[in-house]
Full PDB file with SEQRES, HELIX, SHEET, SSBOND, CRYST1, ORIGX, SCALE, CONECT and MASTER records, all heavy atoms in Angstrom:
SEQRES   1 A   39  THR ASP GLU LYS LEU ARG GLN GLU GLY ASP SER LEU ARG          
SEQRES   2 A   39  ALA GLU PRO GLY ALA ASP ALA ALA ALA THR VAL LEU MET          
SEQRES   3 A   39  ARG THR GLY LEU ASP ASP ASN PRO ARG VAL TYR HIS GLU          
SHEET    1 AA1 2 LEU A   5  GLU A   8  0                                        
SHEET    2 AA1 2 SER A  11  ALA A  14 -1                                        
CRYST1    1.000    1.000    1.000  90.00  90.00  90.00 P 1           1          
ORIGX1      1.000000  0.000000  0.000000        0.00000                         
ORIGX2      0.000000  1.000000  0.000000        0.00000                         
ORIGX3      0.000000  0.000000  1.000000        0.00000                         
SCALE1      1.000000  0.000000  0.000000        0.00000                         
SCALE2      0.000000  1.000000  0.000000        0.00000                         
SCALE3      0.000000  0.000000  1.000000        0.00000                         
ATOM      1  N   THR A   1      -2.022  44.094  32.917  1.00  0.00           N  
ATOM      2  CA  THR A   1      -0.962  44.231  33.922  1.00  0.00           C  
ATOM      3  C   THR A   1       0.378  44.143  33.212  1.00  0.00           C  
ATOM      4  O   THR A   1       0.561  43.317  32.312  1.00  0.00           O  
ATOM      5  CB  THR A   1      -1.048  43.129  34.994  1.00  0.00           C  
ATOM      6  OG1 THR A   1      -1.018  41.846  34.368  1.00  0.00           O  
ATOM      7  CG2 THR A   1      -2.331  43.258  35.793  1.00  0.00           C  
ATOM      8  N   ASP A   2       1.288  45.011  33.576  1.00  0.00           N  
ATOM      9  CA  ASP A   2       2.623  44.984  32.968  1.00  0.00           C  
ATOM     10  C   ASP A   2       3.688  45.181  34.032  1.00  0.00           C  
ATOM     11  O   ASP A   2       3.392  45.552  35.175  1.00  0.00           O  
ATOM     12  CB  ASP A   2       2.757  46.016  31.843  1.00  0.00           C  
ATOM     13  CG  ASP A   2       2.520  47.444  32.310  1.00  0.00           C  
ATOM     14  OD1 ASP A   2       2.936  47.791  33.435  1.00  0.00           O  
ATOM     15  OD2 ASP A   2       1.925  48.237  31.560  1.00  0.00           O  
ATOM     16  N   GLU A   3       4.904  44.909  33.663  1.00  0.00           N  
ATOM     17  CA  GLU A   3       6.039  45.055  34.567  1.00  0.00           C  
ATOM     18  C   GLU A   3       7.223  45.592  33.783  1.00  0.00           C  
ATOM     19  O   GLU A   3       7.576  45.052  32.739  1.00  0.00           O  
ATOM     20  CB  GLU A   3       6.402  43.710  35.200  1.00  0.00           C  
ATOM     21  CG  GLU A   3       7.539  43.791  36.204  1.00  0.00           C  
ATOM     22  CD  GLU A   3       7.856  42.453  36.837  1.00  0.00           C  
ATOM     23  OE1 GLU A   3       7.857  41.433  36.112  1.00  0.00           O  
ATOM     24  OE2 GLU A   3       8.101  42.417  38.065  1.00  0.00           O  
ATOM     25  N   LYS A   4       7.841  46.663  34.305  1.00  0.00           N  
ATOM     26  CA  LYS A   4       9.017  47.226  33.666  1.00  0.00           C  
ATOM     27  C   LYS A   4      10.267  46.495  34.153  1.00  0.00           C  
ATOM     28  O   LYS A   4      10.346  46.065  35.302  1.00  0.00           O  
ATOM     29  CB  LYS A   4       9.122  48.718  33.957  1.00  0.00           C  
ATOM     30  CG  LYS A   4       7.983  49.525  33.323  1.00  0.00           C  
ATOM     31  CD  LYS A   4       8.165  51.009  33.569  1.00  0.00           C  
ATOM     32  CE  LYS A   4       7.044  51.807  32.915  1.00  0.00           C  
ATOM     33  NZ  LYS A   4       7.225  53.267  33.117  1.00  0.00           N  
ATOM     34  N   LEU A   5      11.242  46.370  33.236  1.00  0.00           N  
ATOM     35  CA  LEU A   5      12.431  45.571  33.508  1.00  0.00           C  
ATOM     36  C   LEU A   5      13.696  46.371  33.197  1.00  0.00           C  
ATOM     37  O   LEU A   5      13.664  47.308  32.389  1.00  0.00           O  
ATOM     38  CB  LEU A   5      12.418  44.303  32.646  1.00  0.00           C  
ATOM     39  CG  LEU A   5      11.169  43.415  32.737  1.00  0.00           C  
ATOM     40  CD1 LEU A   5      11.184  42.378  31.619  1.00  0.00           C  
ATOM     41  CD2 LEU A   5      11.095  42.743  34.096  1.00  0.00           C  
ATOM     42  N   ARG A   6      14.791  45.953  33.809  1.00  0.00           N  
ATOM     43  CA  ARG A   6      16.092  46.531  33.474  1.00  0.00           C  
ATOM     44  C   ARG A   6      17.131  45.413  33.423  1.00  0.00           C  
ATOM     45  O   ARG A   6      17.134  44.514  34.264  1.00  0.00           O  
ATOM     46  CB  ARG A   6      16.502  47.582  34.494  1.00  0.00           C  
ATOM     47  CG  ARG A   6      17.906  48.175  34.266  1.00  0.00           C  
ATOM     48  CD  ARG A   6      18.065  49.499  34.951  1.00  0.00           C  
ATOM     49  NE  ARG A   6      17.207  50.516  34.332  1.00  0.00           N  
ATOM     50  CZ  ARG A   6      16.914  51.687  34.916  1.00  0.00           C  
ATOM     51  NH1 ARG A   6      17.396  51.962  36.118  1.00  0.00           N  
ATOM     52  NH2 ARG A   6      16.148  52.566  34.294  1.00  0.00           N  
ATOM     53  N   GLN A   7      17.985  45.472  32.401  1.00  0.00           N  
ATOM     54  CA  GLN A   7      19.055  44.492  32.269  1.00  0.00           C  
ATOM     55  C   GLN A   7      20.336  45.051  32.850  1.00  0.00           C  
ATOM     56  O   GLN A   7      20.785  46.143  32.497  1.00  0.00           O  
ATOM     57  CB  GLN A   7      19.270  44.114  30.803  1.00  0.00           C  
ATOM     58  CG  GLN A   7      20.350  43.069  30.606  1.00  0.00           C  
ATOM     59  CD  GLN A   7      20.253  42.390  29.255  1.00  0.00           C  
ATOM     60  OE1 GLN A   7      19.171  42.181  28.729  1.00  0.00           O  
ATOM     61  NE2 GLN A   7      21.381  42.045  28.706  1.00  0.00           N  
ATOM     62  N   GLU A   8      20.924  44.288  33.764  1.00  0.00           N  
ATOM     63  CA  GLU A   8      22.209  44.642  34.353  1.00  0.00           C  
ATOM     64  C   GLU A   8      23.162  43.485  34.123  1.00  0.00           C  
ATOM     65  O   GLU A   8      22.943  42.383  34.642  1.00  0.00           O  
ATOM     66  CB  GLU A   8      22.056  44.938  35.847  1.00  0.00           C  
ATOM     67  CG  GLU A   8      21.245  46.196  36.128  1.00  0.00           C  
ATOM     68  CD  GLU A   8      21.138  46.497  37.613  1.00  0.00           C  
ATOM     69  OE1 GLU A   8      21.450  45.588  38.418  1.00  0.00           O  
ATOM     70  OE2 GLU A   8      20.748  47.619  37.959  1.00  0.00           O  
ATOM     71  N   GLY A   9      24.180  43.719  33.333  1.00  0.00           N  
ATOM     72  CA  GLY A   9      25.042  42.618  32.919  1.00  0.00           C  
ATOM     73  C   GLY A   9      24.240  41.664  32.057  1.00  0.00           C  
ATOM     74  O   GLY A   9      23.650  42.064  31.056  1.00  0.00           O  
ATOM     75  N   ASP A  10      24.185  40.406  32.453  1.00  0.00           N  
ATOM     76  CA  ASP A  10      23.409  39.414  31.714  1.00  0.00           C  
ATOM     77  C   ASP A  10      22.154  39.000  32.478  1.00  0.00           C  
ATOM     78  O   ASP A  10      21.553  37.960  32.192  1.00  0.00           O  
ATOM     79  CB  ASP A  10      24.267  38.179  31.428  1.00  0.00           C  
ATOM     80  CG  ASP A  10      25.328  38.465  30.365  1.00  0.00           C  
ATOM     81  OD1 ASP A  10      25.159  39.437  29.614  1.00  0.00           O  
ATOM     82  OD2 ASP A  10      26.317  37.709  30.300  1.00  0.00           O  
ATOM     83  N   SER A  11      21.718  39.821  33.458  1.00  0.00           N  
ATOM     84  CA  SER A  11      20.553  39.479  34.272  1.00  0.00           C  
ATOM     85  C   SER A  11      19.471  40.543  34.127  1.00  0.00           C  
ATOM     86  O   SER A  11      19.756  41.731  33.923  1.00  0.00           O  
ATOM     87  CB  SER A  11      20.947  39.351  35.747  1.00  0.00           C  
ATOM     88  OG  SER A  11      21.919  38.341  35.925  1.00  0.00           O  
ATOM     89  N   LEU A  12      18.198  40.103  34.257  1.00  0.00           N  
ATOM     90  CA  LEU A  12      17.056  41.008  34.239  1.00  0.00           C  
ATOM     91  C   LEU A  12      16.476  41.123  35.636  1.00  0.00           C  
ATOM     92  O   LEU A  12      16.434  40.155  36.393  1.00  0.00           O  
ATOM     93  CB  LEU A  12      15.964  40.491  33.288  1.00  0.00           C  
ATOM     94  CG  LEU A  12      16.258  40.465  31.795  1.00  0.00           C  
ATOM     95  CD1 LEU A  12      15.054  39.920  31.044  1.00  0.00           C  
ATOM     96  CD2 LEU A  12      16.598  41.859  31.295  1.00  0.00           C  
ATOM     97  N   ARG A  13      16.001  42.333  35.960  1.00  0.00           N  
ATOM     98  CA  ARG A  13      15.301  42.529  37.223  1.00  0.00           C  
ATOM     99  C   ARG A  13      14.167  43.526  37.023  1.00  0.00           C  
ATOM    100  O   ARG A  13      14.165  44.316  36.060  1.00  0.00           O  
ATOM    101  CB  ARG A  13      16.251  43.045  38.301  1.00  0.00           C  
ATOM    102  CG  ARG A  13      16.846  44.418  38.024  1.00  0.00           C  
ATOM    103  CD  ARG A  13      17.674  44.915  39.204  1.00  0.00           C  
ATOM    104  NE  ARG A  13      18.315  46.191  38.931  1.00  0.00           N  
ATOM    105  CZ  ARG A  13      17.730  47.387  39.075  1.00  0.00           C  
ATOM    106  NH1 ARG A  13      16.454  47.433  39.481  1.00  0.00           N  
ATOM    107  NH2 ARG A  13      18.393  48.491  38.805  1.00  0.00           N  
ATOM    108  N   ALA A  14      13.169  43.457  37.907  1.00  0.00           N  
ATOM    109  CA  ALA A  14      12.071  44.415  37.852  1.00  0.00           C  
ATOM    110  C   ALA A  14      12.588  45.803  38.226  1.00  0.00           C  
ATOM    111  O   ALA A  14      13.349  45.957  39.185  1.00  0.00           O  
ATOM    112  CB  ALA A  14      10.962  43.987  38.803  1.00  0.00           C  
ATOM    113  N   GLU A  15      12.162  46.802  37.457  1.00  0.00           N  
ATOM    114  CA  GLU A  15      12.593  48.179  37.704  1.00  0.00           C  
ATOM    115  C   GLU A  15      11.452  49.130  37.324  1.00  0.00           C  
ATOM    116  O   GLU A  15      11.262  49.443  36.134  1.00  0.00           O  
ATOM    117  CB  GLU A  15      13.846  48.500  36.907  1.00  0.00           C  
ATOM    118  CG  GLU A  15      14.305  49.958  36.994  1.00  0.00           C  
ATOM    119  CD  GLU A  15      14.358  50.471  38.411  1.00  0.00           C  
ATOM    120  OE1 GLU A  15      15.204  49.975  39.198  1.00  0.00           O  
ATOM    121  OE2 GLU A  15      13.545  51.349  38.747  1.00  0.00           O  
ATOM    122  N   PRO A  16      10.647  49.581  38.316  1.00  0.00           N  
ATOM    123  CA  PRO A  16       9.520  50.467  38.001  1.00  0.00           C  
ATOM    124  C   PRO A  16       9.925  51.736  37.265  1.00  0.00           C  
ATOM    125  O   PRO A  16       9.121  52.320  36.532  1.00  0.00           O  
ATOM    126  CB  PRO A  16       8.931  50.786  39.385  1.00  0.00           C  
ATOM    127  CG  PRO A  16       9.374  49.652  40.259  1.00  0.00           C  
ATOM    128  CD  PRO A  16      10.719  49.261  39.746  1.00  0.00           C  
ATOM    129  N   GLY A  17      11.167  52.185  37.444  1.00  0.00           N  
ATOM    130  CA  GLY A  17      11.613  53.410  36.793  1.00  0.00           C  
ATOM    131  C   GLY A  17      12.191  53.217  35.404  1.00  0.00           C  
ATOM    132  O   GLY A  17      12.676  54.172  34.802  1.00  0.00           O  
ATOM    133  N   ALA A  18      12.145  51.986  34.880  1.00  0.00           N  
ATOM    134  CA  ALA A  18      12.704  51.732  33.547  1.00  0.00           C  
ATOM    135  C   ALA A  18      11.979  52.572  32.494  1.00  0.00           C  
ATOM    136  O   ALA A  18      10.758  52.782  32.573  1.00  0.00           O  
ATOM    137  CB  ALA A  18      12.592  50.252  33.213  1.00  0.00           C  
ATOM    138  N   ASP A  19      12.733  53.050  31.522  1.00  0.00           N  
ATOM    139  CA  ASP A  19      12.179  53.928  30.484  1.00  0.00           C  
ATOM    140  C   ASP A  19      11.590  53.076  29.366  1.00  0.00           C  
ATOM    141  O   ASP A  19      12.153  52.955  28.270  1.00  0.00           O  
ATOM    142  CB  ASP A  19      13.279  54.846  29.949  1.00  0.00           C  
ATOM    143  CG  ASP A  19      12.710  56.012  29.146  1.00  0.00           C  
ATOM    144  OD1 ASP A  19      11.473  56.134  29.065  1.00  0.00           O  
ATOM    145  OD2 ASP A  19      13.520  56.795  28.602  1.00  0.00           O  
ATOM    146  N   ALA A  20      10.453  52.458  29.664  1.00  0.00           N  
ATOM    147  CA  ALA A  20       9.766  51.575  28.716  1.00  0.00           C  
ATOM    148  C   ALA A  20       8.278  51.626  29.010  1.00  0.00           C  
ATOM    149  O   ALA A  20       7.867  51.996  30.118  1.00  0.00           O  
ATOM    150  CB  ALA A  20      10.290  50.143  28.827  1.00  0.00           C  
ATOM    151  N   ALA A  21       7.459  51.258  28.035  1.00  0.00           N  
ATOM    152  CA  ALA A  21       6.013  51.366  28.222  1.00  0.00           C  
ATOM    153  C   ALA A  21       5.286  50.368  27.332  1.00  0.00           C  
ATOM    154  O   ALA A  21       5.812  49.916  26.304  1.00  0.00           O  
ATOM    155  CB  ALA A  21       5.541  52.788  27.905  1.00  0.00           C  
ATOM    156  N   ALA A  22       4.055  50.051  27.747  1.00  0.00           N  
ATOM    157  CA  ALA A  22       3.154  49.207  26.960  1.00  0.00           C  
ATOM    158  C   ALA A  22       1.900  50.006  26.636  1.00  0.00           C  
ATOM    159  O   ALA A  22       1.359  50.712  27.495  1.00  0.00           O  
ATOM    160  CB  ALA A  22       2.778  47.947  27.735  1.00  0.00           C  
ATOM    161  N   THR A  23       1.447  49.923  25.387  1.00  0.00           N  
ATOM    162  CA  THR A  23       0.179  50.509  24.983  1.00  0.00           C  
ATOM    163  C   THR A  23      -0.613  49.460  24.210  1.00  0.00           C  
ATOM    164  O   THR A  23      -0.045  48.489  23.702  1.00  0.00           O  
ATOM    165  CB  THR A  23       0.369  51.762  24.106  1.00  0.00           C  
ATOM    166  OG1 THR A  23       1.166  51.419  22.960  1.00  0.00           O  
ATOM    167  CG2 THR A  23       1.048  52.875  24.877  1.00  0.00           C  
ATOM    168  N   VAL A  24      -1.917  49.664  24.140  1.00  0.00           N  
ATOM    169  CA  VAL A  24      -2.800  48.694  23.491  1.00  0.00           C  
ATOM    170  C   VAL A  24      -3.725  49.430  22.533  1.00  0.00           C  
ATOM    171  O   VAL A  24      -4.220  50.528  22.843  1.00  0.00           O  
ATOM    172  CB  VAL A  24      -3.632  47.901  24.522  1.00  0.00           C  
ATOM    173  CG1 VAL A  24      -4.514  46.866  23.825  1.00  0.00           C  
ATOM    174  CG2 VAL A  24      -2.722  47.217  25.542  1.00  0.00           C  
ATOM    175  N   LEU A  25      -3.961  48.858  21.361  1.00  0.00           N  
ATOM    176  CA  LEU A  25      -4.960  49.347  20.410  1.00  0.00           C  
ATOM    177  C   LEU A  25      -6.019  48.268  20.236  1.00  0.00           C  
ATOM    178  O   LEU A  25      -5.758  47.081  20.467  1.00  0.00           O  
ATOM    179  CB  LEU A  25      -4.333  49.670  19.059  1.00  0.00           C  
ATOM    180  CG  LEU A  25      -3.415  50.888  18.955  1.00  0.00           C  
ATOM    181  CD1 LEU A  25      -2.032  50.578  19.518  1.00  0.00           C  
ATOM    182  CD2 LEU A  25      -3.281  51.360  17.500  1.00  0.00           C  
ATOM    183  N   MET A  26      -7.209  48.672  19.788  1.00  0.00           N  
ATOM    184  CA  MET A  26      -8.303  47.712  19.655  1.00  0.00           C  
ATOM    185  C   MET A  26      -9.241  48.178  18.547  1.00  0.00           C  
ATOM    186  O   MET A  26      -9.337  49.381  18.262  1.00  0.00           O  
ATOM    187  CB  MET A  26      -9.039  47.603  20.994  1.00  0.00           C  
ATOM    188  CG  MET A  26     -10.159  46.590  21.040  1.00  0.00           C  
ATOM    189  SD  MET A  26     -10.831  46.455  22.722  1.00  0.00           S  
ATOM    190  CE  MET A  26     -12.370  45.604  22.368  1.00  0.00           C  
ATOM    191  N   ARG A  27      -9.917  47.231  17.919  1.00  0.00           N  
ATOM    192  CA  ARG A  27     -10.975  47.548  16.967  1.00  0.00           C  
ATOM    193  C   ARG A  27     -12.074  46.504  17.089  1.00  0.00           C  
ATOM    194  O   ARG A  27     -11.827  45.380  17.539  1.00  0.00           O  
ATOM    195  CB  ARG A  27     -10.450  47.649  15.539  1.00  0.00           C  
ATOM    196  CG  ARG A  27      -9.804  46.386  14.982  1.00  0.00           C  
ATOM    197  CD  ARG A  27      -9.327  46.639  13.549  1.00  0.00           C  
ATOM    198  NE  ARG A  27      -8.585  45.516  13.005  1.00  0.00           N  
ATOM    199  CZ  ARG A  27      -8.077  45.486  11.764  1.00  0.00           C  
ATOM    200  NH1 ARG A  27      -8.250  46.523  10.959  1.00  0.00           N  
ATOM    201  NH2 ARG A  27      -7.384  44.436  11.340  1.00  0.00           N  
ATOM    202  N   THR A  28     -13.297  46.873  16.697  1.00  0.00           N  
ATOM    203  CA  THR A  28     -14.443  45.976  16.813  1.00  0.00           C  
ATOM    204  C   THR A  28     -15.071  45.754  15.443  1.00  0.00           C  
ATOM    205  O   THR A  28     -14.987  46.620  14.560  1.00  0.00           O  
ATOM    206  CB  THR A  28     -15.492  46.554  17.774  1.00  0.00           C  
ATOM    207  OG1 THR A  28     -15.957  47.825  17.276  1.00  0.00           O  
ATOM    208  CG2 THR A  28     -14.914  46.740  19.160  1.00  0.00           C  
ATOM    209  N   GLY A  29     -15.725  44.599  15.272  1.00  0.00           N  
ATOM    210  CA  GLY A  29     -16.269  44.255  13.960  1.00  0.00           C  
ATOM    211  C   GLY A  29     -17.597  43.533  14.023  1.00  0.00           C  
ATOM    212  O   GLY A  29     -17.970  42.953  15.048  1.00  0.00           O  
ATOM    213  N   LEU A  30     -18.281  43.555  12.883  1.00  0.00           N  
ATOM    214  CA  LEU A  30     -19.566  42.861  12.732  1.00  0.00           C  
ATOM    215  C   LEU A  30     -19.399  41.461  12.162  1.00  0.00           C  
ATOM    216  O   LEU A  30     -20.336  40.664  12.199  1.00  0.00           O  
ATOM    217  CB  LEU A  30     -20.493  43.681  11.817  1.00  0.00           C  
ATOM    218  CG  LEU A  30     -20.892  45.066  12.337  1.00  0.00           C  
ATOM    219  CD1 LEU A  30     -21.636  45.837  11.256  1.00  0.00           C  
ATOM    220  CD2 LEU A  30     -21.739  44.937  13.603  1.00  0.00           C  
ATOM    221  N   ASP A  31     -18.217  41.153  11.578  1.00  0.00           N  
ATOM    222  CA  ASP A  31     -17.978  39.816  11.046  1.00  0.00           C  
ATOM    223  C   ASP A  31     -16.583  39.365  11.462  1.00  0.00           C  
ATOM    224  O   ASP A  31     -15.881  40.071  12.174  1.00  0.00           O  
ATOM    225  CB  ASP A  31     -18.172  39.773   9.527  1.00  0.00           C  
ATOM    226  CG  ASP A  31     -17.249  40.736   8.775  1.00  0.00           C  
ATOM    227  OD1 ASP A  31     -16.154  41.048   9.308  1.00  0.00           O  
ATOM    228  OD2 ASP A  31     -17.600  41.173   7.676  1.00  0.00           O  
ATOM    229  N   ASP A  32     -16.193  38.177  10.983  1.00  0.00           N  
ATOM    230  CA  ASP A  32     -14.958  37.567  11.496  1.00  0.00           C  
ATOM    231  C   ASP A  32     -13.723  37.869  10.672  1.00  0.00           C  
ATOM    232  O   ASP A  32     -12.683  37.234  10.869  1.00  0.00           O  
ATOM    233  CB  ASP A  32     -15.137  36.051  11.632  1.00  0.00           C  
ATOM    234  CG  ASP A  32     -15.401  35.368  10.293  1.00  0.00           C  
ATOM    235  OD1 ASP A  32     -15.487  36.080   9.261  1.00  0.00           O  
ATOM    236  OD2 ASP A  32     -15.532  34.134  10.269  1.00  0.00           O  
ATOM    237  N   ASN A  33     -13.795  38.830   9.748  1.00  0.00           N  
ATOM    238  CA  ASN A  33     -12.622  39.151   8.942  1.00  0.00           C  
ATOM    239  C   ASN A  33     -12.547  40.649   8.693  1.00  0.00           C  
ATOM    240  O   ASN A  33     -13.422  41.213   8.031  1.00  0.00           O  
ATOM    241  CB  ASN A  33     -12.652  38.404   7.606  1.00  0.00           C  
ATOM    242  CG  ASN A  33     -11.292  38.363   6.923  1.00  0.00           C  
ATOM    243  OD1 ASN A  33     -10.495  39.285   7.054  1.00  0.00           O  
ATOM    244  ND2 ASN A  33     -11.009  37.295   6.211  1.00  0.00           N  
ATOM    245  N   PRO A  34     -11.525  41.322   9.214  1.00  0.00           N  
ATOM    246  CA  PRO A  34     -11.424  42.771   9.040  1.00  0.00           C  
ATOM    247  C   PRO A  34     -10.834  43.202   7.699  1.00  0.00           C  
ATOM    248  O   PRO A  34     -10.524  44.374   7.515  1.00  0.00           O  
ATOM    249  CB  PRO A  34     -10.497  43.184  10.189  1.00  0.00           C  
ATOM    250  CG  PRO A  34      -9.630  42.002  10.411  1.00  0.00           C  
ATOM    251  CD  PRO A  34     -10.469  40.788  10.094  1.00  0.00           C  
ATOM    252  N   ARG A  35     -10.682  42.265   6.782  1.00  0.00           N  
ATOM    253  CA  ARG A  35     -10.117  42.602   5.479  1.00  0.00           C  
ATOM    254  C   ARG A  35     -11.100  42.275   4.360  1.00  0.00           C  
ATOM    255  O   ARG A  35     -11.930  41.371   4.495  1.00  0.00           O  
ATOM    256  CB  ARG A  35      -8.788  41.875   5.259  1.00  0.00           C  
ATOM    257  CG  ARG A  35      -7.745  42.227   6.315  1.00  0.00           C  
ATOM    258  CD  ARG A  35      -6.344  41.816   5.917  1.00  0.00           C  
ATOM    259  NE  ARG A  35      -6.175  40.377   5.845  1.00  0.00           N  
ATOM    260  CZ  ARG A  35      -5.044  39.775   5.500  1.00  0.00           C  
ATOM    261  NH1 ARG A  35      -3.986  40.498   5.173  1.00  0.00           N  
ATOM    262  NH2 ARG A  35      -4.953  38.464   5.476  1.00  0.00           N  
ATOM    263  N   VAL A  36     -10.960  43.006   3.260  1.00  0.00           N  
ATOM    264  CA  VAL A  36     -11.801  42.804   2.077  1.00  0.00           C  
ATOM    265  C   VAL A  36     -10.900  42.350   0.933  1.00  0.00           C  
ATOM    266  O   VAL A  36      -9.865  42.973   0.658  1.00  0.00           O  
ATOM    267  CB  VAL A  36     -12.544  44.101   1.684  1.00  0.00           C  
ATOM    268  CG1 VAL A  36     -13.376  43.871   0.431  1.00  0.00           C  
ATOM    269  CG2 VAL A  36     -13.424  44.567   2.826  1.00  0.00           C  
ATOM    270  N   TYR A  37     -11.307  41.276   0.249  1.00  0.00           N  
ATOM    271  CA  TYR A  37     -10.507  40.672  -0.819  1.00  0.00           C  
ATOM    272  C   TYR A  37     -11.176  40.941  -2.167  1.00  0.00           C  
ATOM    273  O   TYR A  37     -12.406  40.860  -2.293  1.00  0.00           O  
ATOM    274  CB  TYR A  37     -10.386  39.164  -0.591  1.00  0.00           C  
ATOM    275  CG  TYR A  37      -9.723  38.806   0.711  1.00  0.00           C  
ATOM    276  CD1 TYR A  37     -10.447  38.795   1.904  1.00  0.00           C  
ATOM    277  CD2 TYR A  37      -8.366  38.508   0.767  1.00  0.00           C  
ATOM    278  CE1 TYR A  37      -9.840  38.483   3.109  1.00  0.00           C  
ATOM    279  CE2 TYR A  37      -7.750  38.194   1.973  1.00  0.00           C  
ATOM    280  CZ  TYR A  37      -8.492  38.184   3.131  1.00  0.00           C  
ATOM    281  OH  TYR A  37      -7.892  37.877   4.330  1.00  0.00           O  
ATOM    282  N   HIS A  38     -10.350  41.249  -3.171  1.00  0.00           N  
ATOM    283  CA  HIS A  38     -10.877  41.592  -4.492  1.00  0.00           C  
ATOM    284  C   HIS A  38     -10.309  40.670  -5.573  1.00  0.00           C  
ATOM    285  O   HIS A  38      -9.150  40.262  -5.516  1.00  0.00           O  
ATOM    286  CB  HIS A  38     -10.534  43.037  -4.848  1.00  0.00           C  
ATOM    287  CG  HIS A  38     -11.198  44.057  -3.978  1.00  0.00           C  
ATOM    288  ND1 HIS A  38     -10.614  44.553  -2.835  1.00  0.00           N  
ATOM    289  CD2 HIS A  38     -12.407  44.665  -4.072  1.00  0.00           C  
ATOM    290  CE1 HIS A  38     -11.425  45.429  -2.275  1.00  0.00           C  
ATOM    291  NE2 HIS A  38     -12.517  45.518  -3.001  1.00  0.00           N  
ATOM    292  N   GLU A  39     -11.155  40.389  -6.538  1.00  0.00           N  
ATOM    293  CA  GLU A  39     -10.756  39.662  -7.748  1.00  0.00           C  
ATOM    294  C   GLU A  39     -10.901  40.593  -8.939  1.00  0.00           C  
ATOM    295  O   GLU A  39     -11.927  41.282  -9.083  1.00  0.00           O  
ATOM    296  CB  GLU A  39     -11.636  38.435  -7.951  1.00  0.00           C  
ATOM    297  CG  GLU A  39     -11.383  37.717  -9.272  1.00  0.00           C  
ATOM    298  CD  GLU A  39     -12.433  36.678  -9.581  1.00  0.00           C  
ATOM    299  OE1 GLU A  39     -13.422  36.578  -8.834  1.00  0.00           O  
ATOM    300  OE2 GLU A  39     -12.278  35.968 -10.611  1.00  0.00           O  
TER     301      GLU A  39                                                      
MASTER        0    0    0    0    2    0    0    6  300    1    0    3          
END                                                                             
């Protein structure tokens, strides 16, 4: 759930027409570390 906002002066208010957006990325794994370390 997200909410778009607009700043007017020093105040914020909800504004569905605000030119802003939220996106989400995701990845899945077989273990608890998505990185590989080398020596």
